[in-house]
Amino acid sequence: MLSRTADHLFWMSRYTERAENTARMLSVSYETSLLPQSADVAQESWLGLLSISELIPAYTARHGEVTREGVLEFMVRDGDNPSSILSC
């Protein structure tokens, strides 16, 4: 019983940490996107975030073009994305 509880606590903490790290990456990318820059540079920033998470194929299959709103939706509230904050 104690071993099972410890195992569940371990995995709960791991998913919480994963959600926190995803939120931090999104926060940095969002704040960077507010700086004056061209649309191509902004899109490359969001594409880099998807690349770090290895989610480019999953994102493009659902949303097509990489946009700030699309990436935020996909990484925060998409229940079908196992790496989203909601799923974690």
PDB file of N, CA and C in Angstrom:
ATOM      1  N   MET A   1       0.825  -1.198   0.000  1.00  0.00           N
ATOM      2  CA  MET A   1       0.000   0.000   0.000  1.00  0.00           C
ATOM      3  C   MET A   1       0.866   1.257   0.000  1.00  0.00           C
ATOM      4  N   LEU A   2       1.861   1.274   0.848  1.00  0.00           N
ATOM      5  CA  LEU A   2       2.745   2.432   0.926  1.00  0.00           C
ATOM      6  C   LEU A   2       3.515   2.617  -0.381  1.00  0.00           C
ATOM      7  N   SER A   3       3.939   1.521  -0.982  1.00  0.00           N
ATOM      8  CA  SER A   3       4.669   1.586  -2.237  1.00  0.00           C
ATOM      9  C   SER A   3       3.792   2.155  -3.350  1.00  0.00           C
ATOM     10  N   ARG A   4       2.546   1.752  -3.401  1.00  0.00           N
ATOM     11  CA  ARG A   4       1.634   2.257  -4.431  1.00  0.00           C
ATOM     12  C   ARG A   4       1.378   3.753  -4.236  1.00  0.00           C
ATOM     13  N   THR A   5       1.215   4.167  -2.984  1.00  0.00           N
ATOM     14  CA  THR A   5       1.001   5.588  -2.700  1.00  0.00           C
ATOM     15  C   THR A   5       2.224   6.403  -3.094  1.00  0.00           C
ATOM     16  N   ALA A   6       3.399   5.896  -2.764  1.00  0.00           N
ATOM     17  CA  ALA A   6       4.631   6.595  -3.132  1.00  0.00           C
ATOM     18  C   ALA A   6       4.761   6.687  -4.650  1.00  0.00           C
ATOM     19  N   ASP A   7       4.400   5.637  -5.350  1.00  0.00           N
ATOM     20  CA  ASP A   7       4.452   5.647  -6.808  1.00  0.00           C
ATOM     21  C   ASP A   7       3.502   6.689  -7.385  1.00  0.00           C
ATOM     22  N   HIS A   8       2.291   6.753  -6.865  1.00  0.00           N
ATOM     23  CA  HIS A   8       1.318   7.740  -7.350  1.00  0.00           C
ATOM     24  C   HIS A   8       1.779   9.163  -7.056  1.00  0.00           C
ATOM     25  N   LEU A   9       2.373   9.382  -5.896  1.00  0.00           N
ATOM     26  CA  LEU A   9       2.884  10.712  -5.568  1.00  0.00           C
ATOM     27  C   LEU A   9       4.036  11.102  -6.488  1.00  0.00           C
ATOM     28  N   PHE A  10       4.884  10.139  -6.807  1.00  0.00           N
ATOM     29  CA  PHE A  10       5.990  10.411  -7.716  1.00  0.00           C
ATOM     30  C   PHE A  10       5.478  10.871  -9.072  1.00  0.00           C
ATOM     31  N   TRP A  11       4.527  10.120  -9.647  1.00  0.00           N
ATOM     32  CA  TRP A  11       4.027  10.458 -10.978  1.00  0.00           C
ATOM     33  C   TRP A  11       3.215  11.742 -10.963  1.00  0.00           C
ATOM     34  N   MET A  12       2.470  11.988  -9.902  1.00  0.00           N
ATOM     35  CA  MET A  12       1.723  13.241  -9.797  1.00  0.00           C
ATOM     36  C   MET A  12       2.690  14.431  -9.777  1.00  0.00           C
ATOM     37  N   SER A  13       3.780  14.300  -9.019  1.00  0.00           N
ATOM     38  CA  SER A  13       4.774  15.374  -8.963  1.00  0.00           C
ATOM     39  C   SER A  13       5.461  15.561 -10.306  1.00  0.00           C
ATOM     40  N   ARG A  14       5.718  14.472 -10.989  1.00  0.00           N
ATOM     41  CA  ARG A  14       6.371  14.575 -12.290  1.00  0.00           C
ATOM     42  C   ARG A  14       5.492  15.309 -13.301  1.00  0.00           C
ATOM     43  N   TYR A  15       4.209  14.979 -13.345  1.00  0.00           N
ATOM     44  CA  TYR A  15       3.301  15.661 -14.275  1.00  0.00           C
ATOM     45  C   TYR A  15       3.076  17.116 -13.883  1.00  0.00           C
ATOM     46  N   THR A  16       3.073  17.393 -12.596  1.00  0.00           N
ATOM     47  CA  THR A  16       2.957  18.787 -12.147  1.00  0.00           C
ATOM     48  C   THR A  16       4.176  19.583 -12.582  1.00  0.00           C
ATOM     49  N   GLU A  17       5.350  18.993 -12.443  1.00  0.00           N
ATOM     50  CA  GLU A  17       6.572  19.661 -12.871  1.00  0.00           C
ATOM     51  C   GLU A  17       6.581  19.870 -14.381  1.00  0.00           C
ATOM     52  N   ARG A  18       6.099  18.893 -15.130  1.00  0.00           N
ATOM     53  CA  ARG A  18       6.030  19.025 -16.592  1.00  0.00           C
ATOM     54  C   ARG A  18       5.096  20.166 -16.985  1.00  0.00           C
ATOM     55  N   ALA A  19       3.954  20.265 -16.326  1.00  0.00           N
ATOM     56  CA  ALA A  19       3.013  21.356 -16.609  1.00  0.00           C
ATOM     57  C   ALA A  19       3.635  22.706 -16.271  1.00  0.00           C
ATOM     58  N   GLU A  20       4.361  22.771 -15.159  1.00  0.00           N
ATOM     59  CA  GLU A  20       5.015  24.026 -14.767  1.00  0.00           C
ATOM     60  C   GLU A  20       6.073  24.433 -15.785  1.00  0.00           C
ATOM     61  N   ASN A  21       6.869  23.489 -16.247  1.00  0.00           N
ATOM     62  CA  ASN A  21       7.900  23.800 -17.241  1.00  0.00           C
ATOM     63  C   ASN A  21       7.280  24.249 -18.569  1.00  0.00           C
ATOM     64  N   THR A  22       6.189  23.618 -18.963  1.00  0.00           N
ATOM     65  CA  THR A  22       5.497  24.028 -20.186  1.00  0.00           C
ATOM     66  C   THR A  22       4.965  25.450 -20.036  1.00  0.00           C
ATOM     67  N   ALA A  23       4.398  25.762 -18.883  1.00  0.00           N
ATOM     68  CA  ALA A  23       3.880  27.108 -18.636  1.00  0.00           C
ATOM     69  C   ALA A  23       4.997  28.144 -18.679  1.00  0.00           C
ATOM     70  N   ARG A  24       6.147  27.810 -18.150  1.00  0.00           N
ATOM     71  CA  ARG A  24       7.279  28.745 -18.191  1.00  0.00           C
ATOM     72  C   ARG A  24       7.756  28.980 -19.614  1.00  0.00           C
ATOM     73  N   MET A  25       7.862  27.917 -20.410  1.00  0.00           N
ATOM     74  CA  MET A  25       8.279  28.087 -21.809  1.00  0.00           C
ATOM     75  C   MET A  25       7.274  28.943 -22.571  1.00  0.00           C
ATOM     76  N   LEU A  26       5.988  28.708 -22.329  1.00  0.00           N
ATOM     77  CA  LEU A  26       4.960  29.513 -22.998  1.00  0.00           C
ATOM     78  C   LEU A  26       5.024  30.963 -22.549  1.00  0.00           C
ATOM     79  N   SER A  27       5.281  31.197 -21.283  1.00  0.00           N
ATOM     80  CA  SER A  27       5.370  32.560 -20.768  1.00  0.00           C
ATOM     81  C   SER A  27       6.522  33.318 -21.425  1.00  0.00           C
ATOM     82  N   VAL A  28       7.674  32.692 -21.519  1.00  0.00           N
ATOM     83  CA  VAL A  28       8.828  33.334 -22.154  1.00  0.00           C
ATOM     84  C   VAL A  28       8.547  33.605 -23.627  1.00  0.00           C
ATOM     85  N   SER A  29       7.976  32.638 -24.314  1.00  0.00           N
ATOM     86  CA  SER A  29       7.673  32.830 -25.735  1.00  0.00           C
ATOM     87  C   SER A  29       6.637  33.933 -25.944  1.00  0.00           C
ATOM     88  N   TYR A  30       5.635  33.970 -25.073  1.00  0.00           N
ATOM     89  CA  TYR A  30       4.612  35.007 -25.198  1.00  0.00           C
ATOM     90  C   TYR A  30       5.205  36.389 -24.949  1.00  0.00           C
ATOM     91  N   GLU A  31       6.005  36.526 -23.886  1.00  0.00           N
ATOM     92  CA  GLU A  31       6.610  37.829 -23.585  1.00  0.00           C
ATOM     93  C   GLU A  31       7.560  38.260 -24.692  1.00  0.00           C
ATOM     94  N   THR A  32       8.276  37.313 -25.285  1.00  0.00           N
ATOM     95  CA  THR A  32       9.170  37.632 -26.392  1.00  0.00           C
ATOM     96  C   THR A  32       8.377  38.066 -27.623  1.00  0.00           C
ATOM     97  N   SER A  33       7.207  37.465 -27.823  1.00  0.00           N
ATOM     98  CA  SER A  33       6.400  37.818 -28.988  1.00  0.00           C
ATOM     99  C   SER A  33       5.828  39.232 -28.895  1.00  0.00           C
ATOM    100  N   LEU A  34       5.822  39.801 -27.707  1.00  0.00           N
ATOM    101  CA  LEU A  34       5.323  41.163 -27.542  1.00  0.00           C
ATOM    102  C   LEU A  34       6.351  42.219 -27.957  1.00  0.00           C
ATOM    103  N   LEU A  35       7.607  41.811 -28.124  1.00  0.00           N
ATOM    104  CA  LEU A  35       8.642  42.730 -28.562  1.00  0.00           C
ATOM    105  C   LEU A  35       8.458  43.033 -30.049  1.00  0.00           C
ATOM    106  N   PRO A  36       8.914  44.223 -30.484  1.00  0.00           N
ATOM    107  CA  PRO A  36       8.798  44.538 -31.914  1.00  0.00           C
ATOM    108  C   PRO A  36       9.664  43.588 -32.754  1.00  0.00           C
ATOM    109  N   GLN A  37       9.021  42.884 -33.683  1.00  0.00           N
ATOM    110  CA  GLN A  37       9.722  41.949 -34.552  1.00  0.00           C
ATOM    111  C   GLN A  37       8.851  41.647 -35.759  1.00  0.00           C
ATOM    112  N   SER A  38       9.476  41.099 -36.776  1.00  0.00           N
ATOM    113  CA  SER A  38       8.707  40.774 -37.980  1.00  0.00           C
ATOM    114  C   SER A  38       7.847  39.539 -37.726  1.00  0.00           C
ATOM    115  N   ALA A  39       6.858  39.337 -38.569  1.00  0.00           N
ATOM    116  CA  ALA A  39       5.954  38.188 -38.423  1.00  0.00           C
ATOM    117  C   ALA A  39       6.701  36.873 -38.612  1.00  0.00           C
ATOM    118  N   ASP A  40       7.709  36.872 -39.501  1.00  0.00           N
ATOM    119  CA  ASP A  40       8.477  35.645 -39.734  1.00  0.00           C
ATOM    120  C   ASP A  40       9.290  35.249 -38.501  1.00  0.00           C
ATOM    121  N   VAL A  41       9.884  36.229 -37.851  1.00  0.00           N
ATOM    122  CA  VAL A  41      10.672  35.944 -36.643  1.00  0.00           C
ATOM    123  C   VAL A  41       9.761  35.463 -35.523  1.00  0.00           C
ATOM    124  N   ALA A  42       8.594  36.070 -35.390  1.00  0.00           N
ATOM    125  CA  ALA A  42       7.645  35.644 -34.367  1.00  0.00           C
ATOM    126  C   ALA A  42       7.185  34.212 -34.616  1.00  0.00           C
ATOM    127  N   GLN A  43       6.912  33.873 -35.872  1.00  0.00           N
ATOM    128  CA  GLN A  43       6.479  32.519 -36.196  1.00  0.00           C
ATOM    129  C   GLN A  43       7.595  31.510 -35.916  1.00  0.00           C
ATOM    130  N   GLU A  44       8.832  31.866 -36.195  1.00  0.00           N
ATOM    131  CA  GLU A  44       9.962  30.976 -35.908  1.00  0.00           C
ATOM    132  C   GLU A  44      10.093  30.716 -34.408  1.00  0.00           C
ATOM    133  N   SER A  45       9.779  31.722 -33.596  1.00  0.00           N
ATOM    134  CA  SER A  45       9.828  31.547 -32.145  1.00  0.00           C
ATOM    135  C   SER A  45       8.818  30.511 -31.678  1.00  0.00           C
ATOM    136  N   TRP A  46       7.582  30.606 -32.179  1.00  0.00           N
ATOM    137  CA  TRP A  46       6.550  29.637 -31.798  1.00  0.00           C
ATOM    138  C   TRP A  46       6.846  28.267 -32.380  1.00  0.00           C
ATOM    139  N   LEU A  47       7.427  28.231 -33.558  1.00  0.00           N
ATOM    140  CA  LEU A  47       7.819  26.961 -34.164  1.00  0.00           C
ATOM    141  C   LEU A  47       8.930  26.306 -33.344  1.00  0.00           C
ATOM    142  N   GLY A  48       9.835  27.117 -32.816  1.00  0.00           N
ATOM    143  CA  GLY A  48      10.898  26.594 -31.950  1.00  0.00           C
ATOM    144  C   GLY A  48      10.348  25.967 -30.684  1.00  0.00           C
ATOM    145  N   LEU A  49       9.313  26.570 -30.121  1.00  0.00           N
ATOM    146  CA  LEU A  49       8.680  26.011 -28.929  1.00  0.00           C
ATOM    147  C   LEU A  49       8.071  24.644 -29.228  1.00  0.00           C
ATOM    148  N   LEU A  50       7.410  24.530 -30.358  1.00  0.00           N
ATOM    149  CA  LEU A  50       6.847  23.232 -30.759  1.00  0.00           C
ATOM    150  C   LEU A  50       7.953  22.219 -31.039  1.00  0.00           C
ATOM    151  N   SER A  51       9.061  22.683 -31.595  1.00  0.00           N
ATOM    152  CA  SER A  51      10.178  21.799 -31.903  1.00  0.00           C
ATOM    153  C   SER A  51      10.811  21.242 -30.625  1.00  0.00           C
ATOM    154  N   ILE A  52      10.975  22.090 -29.619  1.00  0.00           N
ATOM    155  CA  ILE A  52      11.538  21.646 -28.340  1.00  0.00           C
ATOM    156  C   ILE A  52      10.679  20.535 -27.744  1.00  0.00           C
ATOM    157  N   SER A  53       9.391  20.678 -27.860  1.00  0.00           N
ATOM    158  CA  SER A  53       8.456  19.699 -27.307  1.00  0.00           C
ATOM    159  C   SER A  53       8.191  18.532 -28.259  1.00  0.00           C
ATOM    160  N   GLU A  54       8.798  18.571 -29.439  1.00  0.00           N
ATOM    161  CA  GLU A  54       8.614  17.548 -30.476  1.00  0.00           C
ATOM    162  C   GLU A  54       7.140  17.383 -30.851  1.00  0.00           C
ATOM    163  N   LEU A  55       6.460  18.512 -31.033  1.00  0.00           N
ATOM    164  CA  LEU A  55       5.030  18.500 -31.327  1.00  0.00           C
ATOM    165  C   LEU A  55       4.668  19.121 -32.669  1.00  0.00           C
ATOM    166  N   ILE A  56       5.644  19.357 -33.524  1.00  0.00           N
ATOM    167  CA  ILE A  56       5.352  19.988 -34.813  1.00  0.00           C
ATOM    168  C   ILE A  56       4.375  19.149 -35.638  1.00  0.00           C
ATOM    169  N   PRO A  57       4.593  17.837 -35.805  1.00  0.00           N
ATOM    170  CA  PRO A  57       3.631  17.056 -36.606  1.00  0.00           C
ATOM    171  C   PRO A  57       2.223  17.052 -36.008  1.00  0.00           C
ATOM    172  N   ALA A  58       2.118  16.923 -34.689  1.00  0.00           N
ATOM    173  CA  ALA A  58       0.797  16.896 -34.042  1.00  0.00           C
ATOM    174  C   ALA A  58       0.100  18.248 -34.194  1.00  0.00           C
ATOM    175  N   TYR A  59       0.861  19.337 -34.059  1.00  0.00           N
ATOM    176  CA  TYR A  59       0.268  20.672 -34.183  1.00  0.00           C
ATOM    177  C   TYR A  59      -0.198  20.939 -35.612  1.00  0.00           C
ATOM    178  N   THR A  60       0.667  20.674 -36.585  1.00  0.00           N
ATOM    179  CA  THR A  60       0.307  20.983 -37.971  1.00  0.00           C
ATOM    180  C   THR A  60      -0.851  20.109 -38.456  1.00  0.00           C
ATOM    181  N   ALA A  61      -0.980  18.903 -37.926  1.00  0.00           N
ATOM    182  CA  ALA A  61      -2.117  18.054 -38.307  1.00  0.00           C
ATOM    183  C   ALA A  61      -3.443  18.643 -37.833  1.00  0.00           C
ATOM    184  N   ARG A  62      -3.426  19.327 -36.715  1.00  0.00           N
ATOM    185  CA  ARG A  62      -4.668  19.886 -36.157  1.00  0.00           C
ATOM    186  C   ARG A  62      -4.914  21.329 -36.553  1.00  0.00           C
ATOM    187  N   HIS A  63      -3.843  22.140 -36.624  1.00  0.00           N
ATOM    188  CA  HIS A  63      -4.019  23.576 -36.812  1.00  0.00           C
ATOM    189  C   HIS A  63      -3.451  24.128 -38.110  1.00  0.00           C
ATOM    190  N   GLY A  64      -2.547  23.421 -38.747  1.00  0.00           N
ATOM    191  CA  GLY A  64      -1.954  23.931 -39.985  1.00  0.00           C
ATOM    192  C   GLY A  64      -0.891  24.972 -39.709  1.00  0.00           C
ATOM    193  N   GLU A  65      -1.201  26.223 -39.991  1.00  0.00           N
ATOM    194  CA  GLU A  65      -0.232  27.311 -39.844  1.00  0.00           C
ATOM    195  C   GLU A  65       0.077  27.580 -38.377  1.00  0.00           C
ATOM    196  N   VAL A  66       1.346  27.872 -38.098  1.00  0.00           N
ATOM    197  CA  VAL A  66       1.788  28.148 -36.727  1.00  0.00           C
ATOM    198  C   VAL A  66       1.483  29.603 -36.394  1.00  0.00           C
ATOM    199  N   THR A  67       0.609  29.816 -35.404  1.00  0.00           N
ATOM    200  CA  THR A  67       0.277  31.150 -34.905  1.00  0.00           C
ATOM    201  C   THR A  67       0.384  31.157 -33.390  1.00  0.00           C
ATOM    202  N   ARG A  68       0.508  32.342 -32.828  1.00  0.00           N
ATOM    203  CA  ARG A  68       0.614  32.469 -31.374  1.00  0.00           C
ATOM    204  C   ARG A  68      -0.620  31.898 -30.690  1.00  0.00           C
ATOM    205  N   GLU A  69      -1.792  32.277 -31.157  1.00  0.00           N
ATOM    206  CA  GLU A  69      -3.034  31.816 -30.534  1.00  0.00           C
ATOM    207  C   GLU A  69      -3.194  30.308 -30.660  1.00  0.00           C
ATOM    208  N   GLY A  70      -2.826  29.772 -31.817  1.00  0.00           N
ATOM    209  CA  GLY A  70      -2.940  28.337 -32.045  1.00  0.00           C
ATOM    210  C   GLY A  70      -2.016  27.532 -31.140  1.00  0.00           C
ATOM    211  N   VAL A  71      -0.776  28.000 -31.002  1.00  0.00           N
ATOM    212  CA  VAL A  71       0.181  27.295 -30.148  1.00  0.00           C
ATOM    213  C   VAL A  71      -0.246  27.371 -28.691  1.00  0.00           C
ATOM    214  N   LEU A  72      -0.702  28.537 -28.260  1.00  0.00           N
ATOM    215  CA  LEU A  72      -1.156  28.667 -26.864  1.00  0.00           C
ATOM    216  C   LEU A  72      -2.345  27.751 -26.591  1.00  0.00           C
ATOM    217  N   GLU A  73      -3.293  27.716 -27.499  1.00  0.00           N
ATOM    218  CA  GLU A  73      -4.451  26.832 -27.344  1.00  0.00           C
ATOM    219  C   GLU A  73      -4.010  25.371 -27.293  1.00  0.00           C
ATOM    220  N   PHE A  74      -3.124  25.001 -28.208  1.00  0.00           N
ATOM    221  CA  PHE A  74      -2.660  23.626 -28.311  1.00  0.00           C
ATOM    222  C   PHE A  74      -1.855  23.197 -27.080  1.00  0.00           C
ATOM    223  N   MET A  75      -1.020  24.082 -26.574  1.00  0.00           N
ATOM    224  CA  MET A  75      -0.142  23.735 -25.459  1.00  0.00           C
ATOM    225  C   MET A  75      -0.797  23.896 -24.087  1.00  0.00           C
ATOM    226  N   VAL A  76      -1.906  24.645 -24.014  1.00  0.00           N
ATOM    227  CA  VAL A  76      -2.542  24.868 -22.710  1.00  0.00           C
ATOM    228  C   VAL A  76      -3.812  24.040 -22.553  1.00  0.00           C
ATOM    229  N   ARG A  77      -4.757  24.151 -23.503  1.00  0.00           N
ATOM    230  CA  ARG A  77      -6.093  23.607 -23.269  1.00  0.00           C
ATOM    231  C   ARG A  77      -6.489  22.425 -24.138  1.00  0.00           C
ATOM    232  N   ASP A  78      -5.614  21.944 -24.989  1.00  0.00           N
ATOM    233  CA  ASP A  78      -5.991  20.854 -25.882  1.00  0.00           C
ATOM    234  C   ASP A  78      -5.907  19.515 -25.147  1.00  0.00           C
ATOM    235  N   GLY A  79      -7.041  18.910 -24.887  1.00  0.00           N
ATOM    236  CA  GLY A  79      -7.087  17.637 -24.185  1.00  0.00           C
ATOM    237  C   GLY A  79      -6.538  16.481 -25.000  1.00  0.00           C
ATOM    238  N   ASP A  80      -6.481  16.632 -26.330  1.00  0.00           N
ATOM    239  CA  ASP A  80      -5.944  15.575 -27.186  1.00  0.00           C
ATOM    240  C   ASP A  80      -4.419  15.621 -27.280  1.00  0.00           C
ATOM    241  N   ASN A  81      -3.822  16.695 -26.797  1.00  0.00           N
ATOM    242  CA  ASN A  81      -2.369  16.826 -26.780  1.00  0.00           C
ATOM    243  C   ASN A  81      -1.861  16.322 -25.426  1.00  0.00           C
ATOM    244  N   PRO A  82      -1.147  15.194 -25.401  1.00  0.00           N
ATOM    245  CA  PRO A  82      -0.700  14.656 -24.111  1.00  0.00           C
ATOM    246  C   PRO A  82       0.330  15.529 -23.400  1.00  0.00           C
ATOM    247  N   SER A  83       0.910  16.507 -24.107  1.00  0.00           N
ATOM    248  CA  SER A  83       1.890  17.402 -23.499  1.00  0.00           C
ATOM    249  C   SER A  83       1.281  18.719 -23.043  1.00  0.00           C
ATOM    250  N   SER A  84      -0.015  18.911 -23.240  1.00  0.00           N
ATOM    251  CA  SER A  84      -0.625  20.177 -22.841  1.00  0.00           C
ATOM    252  C   SER A  84      -0.729  20.268 -21.315  1.00  0.00           C
ATOM    253  N   ILE A  85      -0.864  21.478 -20.841  1.00  0.00           N
ATOM    254  CA  ILE A  85      -0.985  21.684 -19.399  1.00  0.00           C
ATOM    255  C   ILE A  85      -2.234  20.998 -18.867  1.00  0.00           C
ATOM    256  N   LEU A  86      -3.319  21.055 -19.606  1.00  0.00           N
ATOM    257  CA  LEU A  86      -4.548  20.403 -19.199  1.00  0.00           C
ATOM    258  C   LEU A  86      -4.353  18.902 -19.043  1.00  0.00           C
ATOM    259  N   SER A  87      -3.645  18.284 -19.984  1.00  0.00           N
ATOM    260  CA  SER A  87      -3.426  16.846 -19.918  1.00  0.00           C
ATOM    261  C   SER A  87      -2.474  16.446 -18.786  1.00  0.00           C
ATOM    262  N   CYS A  88      -1.506  17.314 -18.515  1.00  0.00           N
ATOM    263  CA  CYS A  88      -0.573  17.000 -17.419  1.00  0.00           C
ATOM    264  C   CYS A  88      -1.286  17.061 -16.088  1.00  0.00           C
TER     265      CYS A  88
END
